[in-house]
Amino acid sequence: MEREHMPTRQKIADYWTGEEGQYRISGIQEAFKINVTGLLCIEHDIAHCWACNKTLRGGRRGYNTPDLGLQRCHIIPHSLGGSNHSSNLFLMCDRCHTASPDTSEEIYFWKWFNRVEDHLQREMRELREGLDMSDLNVDALSKLNIMQVKTYIEKASEGVEITTHGASIAQGTRFVLLQKTLDMMSLDHPLERTAQWTLNSY
């Protein structure tokens, strides 16, 4: 049996945002008793990952740009009997595609989809988790105004050459600049370690 051709990304977007796709979304919610409101946010013209909502290539309109970085992903894998019809295809970034489940039971794809973290929330969480803030005097820093914080960020950026991955600044690059800013702040506002030790020793 000849393998069905894969539709274009734009054709997949047309399906999910059209009448047939909207009917399918209602069926998914009813059949699996899960809230897939994220499906209702699929943009027809602005290319983005449908799982984490990351806009790709600066929000370039349309899905058929060759270097978009958006993958056509099977909901039920082709190797497990899934078709190449638009109803079984989803548009996702590489990270979400890699993380998505490979199973013949469709419900688990939608359960996974429902739990995918929005990319902005994920990036903020990863930055918070990765930054070393152990030397920060939070009380002193809370008294800084926005212009003082801006000055620290500008100082931290001096002499640091950065580049981009394609059209965006990598998460690791943001991490470097933020960590350098925090390091400079901790030098100017050190913790009162002696006072802390005295307080904790009782």
Foldseek 3Di string as FASTA:
>chain_A
DDADDADAPLVLLCCCQDPNNVVVQVVLCVVLVDDPCLSVVRDNWFDAASQQRHGFPVRHTDRRDPVGQKDWAFLADVVRPTGSDSSGTGIHHPVVRVVADHDNDNSRRSVVSVPRHHPVVVLVVVLVVPADLVFAPVVVVVPDDPVVLVVLLVVLCPPDDDDPDNPHRDSVVVSSSVNSSSVVNSVVPTDPVVVVCVVVVD
